[in-house]
């Protein structure tokens, strides 16, 4: 597949992105809706708990969670963030680059902008904002799962332009469904992972 050509087609017909997301949304079951819709509210409560337990601001706690999130499942992400905050940044099992970002947030961040500058990447900046303020309608965490289900193929990563394109169309569909954009993203994420897990089980039985 020539991704450049396929992306040009999508830029000319952005409704296809919305249709791809709608197709997955239509496959959601009640558990997907229930778990997905409240995902970031629960993440916010976790960051608040870290803040109260270890005496750091909720903003820093959310920022550190985001800094240590790349390529980590949520359970491990939470454990690493708590260990990092509990040890005042002395213990971290992530890459040196992400560890440095987390330490900058812990030691120097005093504003939301400071956190965003330390994070640097669009995905982690949006993830931070989704956790820190679940009421915001301005941020969407476009991870590799969301890229896949939006584009229709496993691109895994995207450019800033592609990120904003997917984000913009996620917001369009969320507005049509009358839900917060991050609620759409997290619900699609839960549904997508369930579908892929079921497909894997089916494939294993067949073999």
C-alpha atoms as a PDB file:
ATOM      1  CA  UNK A   1       0.000   0.000   0.000  1.00  0.00           C
ATOM      2  CA  UNK A   2       1.276   3.463  -0.905  1.00  0.00           C
ATOM      3  CA  UNK A   3       0.435   5.424   2.242  1.00  0.00           C
ATOM      4  CA  UNK A   4       1.153   8.792   0.601  1.00  0.00           C
ATOM      5  CA  UNK A   5      -1.423   8.179  -2.113  1.00  0.00           C
ATOM      6  CA  UNK A   6      -3.973   6.778   0.347  1.00  0.00           C
ATOM      7  CA  UNK A   7      -3.531   9.764   2.669  1.00  0.00           C
ATOM      8  CA  UNK A   8      -4.070  12.192  -0.193  1.00  0.00           C
ATOM      9  CA  UNK A   9      -7.351  10.423  -0.895  1.00  0.00           C
ATOM     10  CA  UNK A  10      -8.377  10.829   2.738  1.00  0.00           C
ATOM     11  CA  UNK A  11      -7.398  14.511   2.805  1.00  0.00           C
ATOM     12  CA  UNK A  12      -9.674  15.022  -0.194  1.00  0.00           C
ATOM     13  CA  UNK A  13     -12.453  12.952   1.381  1.00  0.00           C
ATOM     14  CA  UNK A  14     -12.213  13.411   5.180  1.00  0.00           C
ATOM     15  CA  UNK A  15     -15.682  11.927   5.564  1.00  0.00           C
ATOM     16  CA  UNK A  16     -14.005   8.526   5.105  1.00  0.00           C
ATOM     17  CA  UNK A  17     -12.152   9.011   8.395  1.00  0.00           C
ATOM     18  CA  UNK A  18     -15.464   9.708  10.118  1.00  0.00           C
ATOM     19  CA  UNK A  19     -17.023   6.689   8.410  1.00  0.00           C
ATOM     20  CA  UNK A  20     -14.173   4.439   9.584  1.00  0.00           C
ATOM     21  CA  UNK A  21     -14.624   5.591  13.182  1.00  0.00           C
ATOM     22  CA  UNK A  22     -18.405   5.319  12.932  1.00  0.00           C
ATOM     23  CA  UNK A  23     -18.033   1.758  11.665  1.00  0.00           C
ATOM     24  CA  UNK A  24     -16.093   0.784  14.794  1.00  0.00           C
ATOM     25  CA  UNK A  25     -18.462   2.755  17.029  1.00  0.00           C
ATOM     26  CA  UNK A  26     -21.374   0.782  15.602  1.00  0.00           C
ATOM     27  CA  UNK A  27     -19.668  -2.417  16.809  1.00  0.00           C
ATOM     28  CA  UNK A  28     -19.496  -1.226  20.426  1.00  0.00           C
ATOM     29  CA  UNK A  29     -21.339  -3.258  23.026  1.00  0.00           C
ATOM     30  CA  UNK A  30     -22.706  -1.968  26.334  1.00  0.00           C
ATOM     31  CA  UNK A  31     -19.493  -2.802  28.212  1.00  0.00           C
ATOM     32  CA  UNK A  32     -17.470  -0.774  25.701  1.00  0.00           C
ATOM     33  CA  UNK A  33     -19.685   2.264  26.225  1.00  0.00           C
ATOM     34  CA  UNK A  34     -19.702   1.964  30.003  1.00  0.00           C
ATOM     35  CA  UNK A  35     -15.962   1.429  30.410  1.00  0.00           C
ATOM     36  CA  UNK A  36     -14.855   3.710  27.582  1.00  0.00           C
ATOM     37  CA  UNK A  37     -16.908   6.766  28.449  1.00  0.00           C
ATOM     38  CA  UNK A  38     -15.515   7.003  31.975  1.00  0.00           C
ATOM     39  CA  UNK A  39     -11.909   6.106  31.130  1.00  0.00           C
ATOM     40  CA  UNK A  40     -10.389   9.565  31.479  1.00  0.00           C
ATOM     41  CA  UNK A  41     -12.488  10.429  34.521  1.00  0.00           C
ATOM     42  CA  UNK A  42     -10.991   7.393  36.252  1.00  0.00           C
ATOM     43  CA  UNK A  43      -7.518   8.372  35.044  1.00  0.00           C
ATOM     44  CA  UNK A  44      -8.115  11.825  36.504  1.00  0.00           C
ATOM     45  CA  UNK A  45      -9.085  10.300  39.845  1.00  0.00           C
ATOM     46  CA  UNK A  46      -5.868   8.261  39.787  1.00  0.00           C
ATOM     47  CA  UNK A  47      -3.751  11.373  39.175  1.00  0.00           C
ATOM     48  CA  UNK A  48      -5.624  13.148  41.978  1.00  0.00           C
ATOM     49  CA  UNK A  49      -4.922  10.209  44.308  1.00  0.00           C
ATOM     50  CA  UNK A  50      -1.197  10.398  43.497  1.00  0.00           C
ATOM     51  CA  UNK A  51      -1.284  14.129  44.132  1.00  0.00           C
ATOM     52  CA  UNK A  52      -2.867  13.739  47.558  1.00  0.00           C
ATOM     53  CA  UNK A  53      -0.789  10.727  48.558  1.00  0.00           C
ATOM     54  CA  UNK A  54       2.638  12.117  47.657  1.00  0.00           C
ATOM     55  CA  UNK A  55       2.153  15.869  47.913  1.00  0.00           C
ATOM     56  CA  UNK A  56       2.660  16.834  44.281  1.00  0.00           C
ATOM     57  CA  UNK A  57       0.265  18.940  42.246  1.00  0.00           C
ATOM     58  CA  UNK A  58      -2.404  17.140  40.257  1.00  0.00           C
ATOM     59  CA  UNK A  59      -1.020  18.862  37.159  1.00  0.00           C
ATOM     60  CA  UNK A  60       2.419  17.344  37.734  1.00  0.00           C
ATOM     61  CA  UNK A  61       0.946  13.925  38.482  1.00  0.00           C
ATOM     62  CA  UNK A  62      -1.023  13.954  35.217  1.00  0.00           C
ATOM     63  CA  UNK A  63       2.032  15.186  33.329  1.00  0.00           C
ATOM     64  CA  UNK A  64       4.247  12.441  34.723  1.00  0.00           C
ATOM     65  CA  UNK A  65       1.664   9.795  33.848  1.00  0.00           C
ATOM     66  CA  UNK A  66       1.646  11.127  30.282  1.00  0.00           C
ATOM     67  CA  UNK A  67       5.443  11.315  30.100  1.00  0.00           C
ATOM     68  CA  UNK A  68       5.739   7.646  31.079  1.00  0.00           C
ATOM     69  CA  UNK A  69       2.904   6.428  28.861  1.00  0.00           C
ATOM     70  CA  UNK A  70       4.523   5.745  25.442  1.00  0.00           C
ATOM     71  CA  UNK A  71       4.392   2.039  24.538  1.00  0.00           C
ATOM     72  CA  UNK A  72       3.185   1.082  28.022  1.00  0.00           C
ATOM     73  CA  UNK A  73      -0.085  -0.616  28.882  1.00  0.00           C
ATOM     74  CA  UNK A  74      -2.203   1.412  31.290  1.00  0.00           C
ATOM     75  CA  UNK A  75      -1.620  -0.805  34.341  1.00  0.00           C
ATOM     76  CA  UNK A  76       2.160  -0.572  33.925  1.00  0.00           C
ATOM     77  CA  UNK A  77       1.936   3.130  33.110  1.00  0.00           C
ATOM     78  CA  UNK A  78       0.186   3.781  36.431  1.00  0.00           C
ATOM     79  CA  UNK A  79       2.631   1.653  38.394  1.00  0.00           C
ATOM     80  CA  UNK A  80       5.635   3.393  36.836  1.00  0.00           C
ATOM     81  CA  UNK A  81       4.179   6.839  37.477  1.00  0.00           C
ATOM     82  CA  UNK A  82       3.479   6.064  41.131  1.00  0.00           C
ATOM     83  CA  UNK A  83       6.951   4.584  41.636  1.00  0.00           C
ATOM     84  CA  UNK A  84       8.510   7.637  40.006  1.00  0.00           C
ATOM     85  CA  UNK A  85       6.580  10.092  42.175  1.00  0.00           C
ATOM     86  CA  UNK A  86       7.040   8.036  45.367  1.00  0.00           C
ATOM     87  CA  UNK A  87      10.824   7.973  44.883  1.00  0.00           C
ATOM     88  CA  UNK A  88      10.886  11.659  43.875  1.00  0.00           C
ATOM     89  CA  UNK A  89      12.107  10.784  40.403  1.00  0.00           C
ATOM     90  CA  UNK A  90      14.960   8.532  41.518  1.00  0.00           C
ATOM     91  CA  UNK A  91      13.427   5.319  40.184  1.00  0.00           C
ATOM     92  CA  UNK A  92      12.123   5.016  36.651  1.00  0.00           C
ATOM     93  CA  UNK A  93      11.871   2.006  34.337  1.00  0.00           C
ATOM     94  CA  UNK A  94      11.224   3.928  31.148  1.00  0.00           C
ATOM     95  CA  UNK A  95      13.656   5.173  28.491  1.00  0.00           C
ATOM     96  CA  UNK A  96      16.139   7.901  29.406  1.00  0.00           C
ATOM     97  CA  UNK A  97      14.307  10.374  27.143  1.00  0.00           C
ATOM     98  CA  UNK A  98      10.914   9.854  28.801  1.00  0.00           C
ATOM     99  CA  UNK A  99      12.516   9.772  32.253  1.00  0.00           C
ATOM    100  CA  UNK A 100      14.098  13.156  31.584  1.00  0.00           C
ATOM    101  CA  UNK A 101      10.719  14.588  30.570  1.00  0.00           C
ATOM    102  CA  UNK A 102       9.120  13.253  33.753  1.00  0.00           C
ATOM    103  CA  UNK A 103      11.901  14.734  35.894  1.00  0.00           C
ATOM    104  CA  UNK A 104      11.546  18.124  34.232  1.00  0.00           C
ATOM    105  CA  UNK A 105       7.846  18.080  35.017  1.00  0.00           C
ATOM    106  CA  UNK A 106       8.397  16.976  38.614  1.00  0.00           C
ATOM    107  CA  UNK A 107      11.170  19.474  39.361  1.00  0.00           C
ATOM    108  CA  UNK A 108      10.429  22.506  37.212  1.00  0.00           C
ATOM    109  CA  UNK A 109       6.884  22.640  35.856  1.00  0.00           C
ATOM    110  CA  UNK A 110       4.747  25.381  37.406  1.00  0.00           C
ATOM    111  CA  UNK A 111       2.182  25.864  34.635  1.00  0.00           C
ATOM    112  CA  UNK A 112       0.293  23.675  32.200  1.00  0.00           C
ATOM    113  CA  UNK A 113       2.387  25.146  29.406  1.00  0.00           C
ATOM    114  CA  UNK A 114       5.558  24.016  31.219  1.00  0.00           C
ATOM    115  CA  UNK A 115       4.204  20.466  31.268  1.00  0.00           C
ATOM    116  CA  UNK A 116       3.297  20.575  27.579  1.00  0.00           C
ATOM    117  CA  UNK A 117       6.726  21.918  26.604  1.00  0.00           C
ATOM    118  CA  UNK A 118       8.415  19.167  28.619  1.00  0.00           C
ATOM    119  CA  UNK A 119       6.256  16.487  26.977  1.00  0.00           C
ATOM    120  CA  UNK A 120       6.864  17.786  23.458  1.00  0.00           C
ATOM    121  CA  UNK A 121       4.853  15.216  21.476  1.00  0.00           C
ATOM    122  CA  UNK A 122       1.271  15.761  20.371  1.00  0.00           C
ATOM    123  CA  UNK A 123       0.086  12.387  21.638  1.00  0.00           C
ATOM    124  CA  UNK A 124       1.441  12.831  25.168  1.00  0.00           C
ATOM    125  CA  UNK A 125       0.356  16.491  25.310  1.00  0.00           C
ATOM    126  CA  UNK A 126      -3.207  15.509  24.444  1.00  0.00           C
ATOM    127  CA  UNK A 127      -3.076  12.521  26.821  1.00  0.00           C
ATOM    128  CA  UNK A 128      -1.959  14.831  29.626  1.00  0.00           C
ATOM    129  CA  UNK A 129      -4.812  17.255  28.955  1.00  0.00           C
ATOM    130  CA  UNK A 130      -7.380  14.459  28.731  1.00  0.00           C
ATOM    131  CA  UNK A 131      -6.291  13.200  32.153  1.00  0.00           C
ATOM    132  CA  UNK A 132      -5.831  16.606  33.768  1.00  0.00           C
ATOM    133  CA  UNK A 133      -9.142  18.042  32.553  1.00  0.00           C
ATOM    134  CA  UNK A 134     -11.645  15.383  31.428  1.00  0.00           C
ATOM    135  CA  UNK A 135     -14.233  18.110  30.787  1.00  0.00           C
ATOM    136  CA  UNK A 136     -12.158  19.597  27.937  1.00  0.00           C
ATOM    137  CA  UNK A 137     -13.452  19.131  24.401  1.00  0.00           C
ATOM    138  CA  UNK A 138     -10.256  20.407  22.780  1.00  0.00           C
ATOM    139  CA  UNK A 139      -7.931  17.416  23.107  1.00  0.00           C
ATOM    140  CA  UNK A 140      -7.852  13.921  21.608  1.00  0.00           C
ATOM    141  CA  UNK A 141      -5.272  11.227  22.313  1.00  0.00           C
ATOM    142  CA  UNK A 142      -4.449   9.820  18.892  1.00  0.00           C
ATOM    143  CA  UNK A 143      -2.506   6.655  19.684  1.00  0.00           C
ATOM    144  CA  UNK A 144      -1.568   3.841  17.294  1.00  0.00           C
ATOM    145  CA  UNK A 145      -4.935   2.105  17.815  1.00  0.00           C
ATOM    146  CA  UNK A 146      -6.843   5.267  16.959  1.00  0.00           C
ATOM    147  CA  UNK A 147      -4.648   5.837  13.909  1.00  0.00           C
ATOM    148  CA  UNK A 148      -5.389   2.308  12.686  1.00  0.00           C
ATOM    149  CA  UNK A 149      -9.152   2.428  13.114  1.00  0.00           C
ATOM    150  CA  UNK A 150      -9.337   5.960  11.680  1.00  0.00           C
ATOM    151  CA  UNK A 151      -7.198   5.461   8.578  1.00  0.00           C
ATOM    152  CA  UNK A 152      -8.114   1.854   7.958  1.00  0.00           C
ATOM    153  CA  UNK A 153      -4.559   0.527   8.036  1.00  0.00           C
ATOM    154  CA  UNK A 154      -1.825   0.014  10.627  1.00  0.00           C
ATOM    155  CA  UNK A 155       0.289   3.157  10.177  1.00  0.00           C
ATOM    156  CA  UNK A 156       1.277   3.081  13.911  1.00  0.00           C
ATOM    157  CA  UNK A 157       2.716   6.613  13.815  1.00  0.00           C
ATOM    158  CA  UNK A 158       1.675   9.822  12.092  1.00  0.00           C
ATOM    159  CA  UNK A 159       3.050  13.250  11.303  1.00  0.00           C
ATOM    160  CA  UNK A 160       1.785  16.348  13.165  1.00  0.00           C
ATOM    161  CA  UNK A 161      -0.374  17.202  10.132  1.00  0.00           C
ATOM    162  CA  UNK A 162      -1.877  13.715  10.084  1.00  0.00           C
ATOM    163  CA  UNK A 163      -2.396  13.844  13.852  1.00  0.00           C
ATOM    164  CA  UNK A 164      -4.371  17.077  13.610  1.00  0.00           C
ATOM    165  CA  UNK A 165      -6.350  15.685  10.672  1.00  0.00           C
ATOM    166  CA  UNK A 166      -7.427  12.612  12.660  1.00  0.00           C
ATOM    167  CA  UNK A 167      -8.070  14.721  15.759  1.00  0.00           C
ATOM    168  CA  UNK A 168     -10.218  17.197  13.841  1.00  0.00           C
ATOM    169  CA  UNK A 169     -12.376  14.442  12.390  1.00  0.00           C
ATOM    170  CA  UNK A 170     -12.674  12.714  15.754  1.00  0.00           C
ATOM    171  CA  UNK A 171     -14.083  15.957  17.142  1.00  0.00           C
ATOM    172  CA  UNK A 172     -16.502  16.191  14.206  1.00  0.00           C
ATOM    173  CA  UNK A 173     -17.911  12.722  14.897  1.00  0.00           C
ATOM    174  CA  UNK A 174     -18.000  13.328  18.657  1.00  0.00           C
ATOM    175  CA  UNK A 175     -20.057  16.472  18.078  1.00  0.00           C
ATOM    176  CA  UNK A 176     -22.453  14.495  15.877  1.00  0.00           C
ATOM    177  CA  UNK A 177     -22.809  11.895  18.636  1.00  0.00           C
ATOM    178  CA  UNK A 178     -23.075  14.633  21.300  1.00  0.00           C
ATOM    179  CA  UNK A 179     -20.236  13.282  23.418  1.00  0.00           C
ATOM    180  CA  UNK A 180     -16.862  14.666  24.508  1.00  0.00           C
ATOM    181  CA  UNK A 181     -14.165  13.835  21.912  1.00  0.00           C
ATOM    182  CA  UNK A 182     -12.008  11.943  24.389  1.00  0.00           C
ATOM    183  CA  UNK A 183     -15.055   9.831  25.320  1.00  0.00           C
ATOM    184  CA  UNK A 184     -15.341   8.821  21.679  1.00  0.00           C
ATOM    185  CA  UNK A 185     -11.627   8.037  21.429  1.00  0.00           C
ATOM    186  CA  UNK A 186     -11.544   5.988  24.632  1.00  0.00           C
ATOM    187  CA  UNK A 187     -14.741   4.103  23.749  1.00  0.00           C
ATOM    188  CA  UNK A 188     -13.357   3.273  20.306  1.00  0.00           C
ATOM    189  CA  UNK A 189     -10.078   2.205  21.970  1.00  0.00           C
ATOM    190  CA  UNK A 190     -11.895  -0.194  24.315  1.00  0.00           C
ATOM    191  CA  UNK A 191     -14.006  -1.595  21.474  1.00  0.00           C
ATOM    192  CA  UNK A 192     -11.034  -1.918  19.096  1.00  0.00           C
ATOM    193  CA  UNK A 193      -8.948  -3.826  21.632  1.00  0.00           C
ATOM    194  CA  UNK A 194     -11.870  -6.179  22.340  1.00  0.00           C
ATOM    195  CA  UNK A 195     -12.382  -6.841  18.634  1.00  0.00           C
ATOM    196  CA  UNK A 196      -8.687  -7.521  18.037  1.00  0.00           C
ATOM    197  CA  UNK A 197      -8.532  -9.812  21.074  1.00  0.00           C
ATOM    198  CA  UNK A 198     -11.546 -11.759  19.813  1.00  0.00           C
ATOM    199  CA  UNK A 199      -9.961 -12.035  16.350  1.00  0.00           C
ATOM    200  CA  UNK A 200      -6.765 -13.362  17.917  1.00  0.00           C
ATOM    201  CA  UNK A 201      -8.685 -15.975  19.867  1.00  0.00           C
ATOM    202  CA  UNK A 202     -10.528 -17.055  16.732  1.00  0.00           C
ATOM    203  CA  UNK A 203      -7.272 -17.290  14.806  1.00  0.00           C
ATOM    204  CA  UNK A 204      -5.676 -19.431  17.528  1.00  0.00           C
ATOM    205  CA  UNK A 205      -8.626 -21.827  17.549  1.00  0.00           C
ATOM    206  CA  UNK A 206      -8.480 -22.115  13.758  1.00  0.00           C
ATOM    207  CA  UNK A 207      -4.794 -23.012  13.851  1.00  0.00           C
END
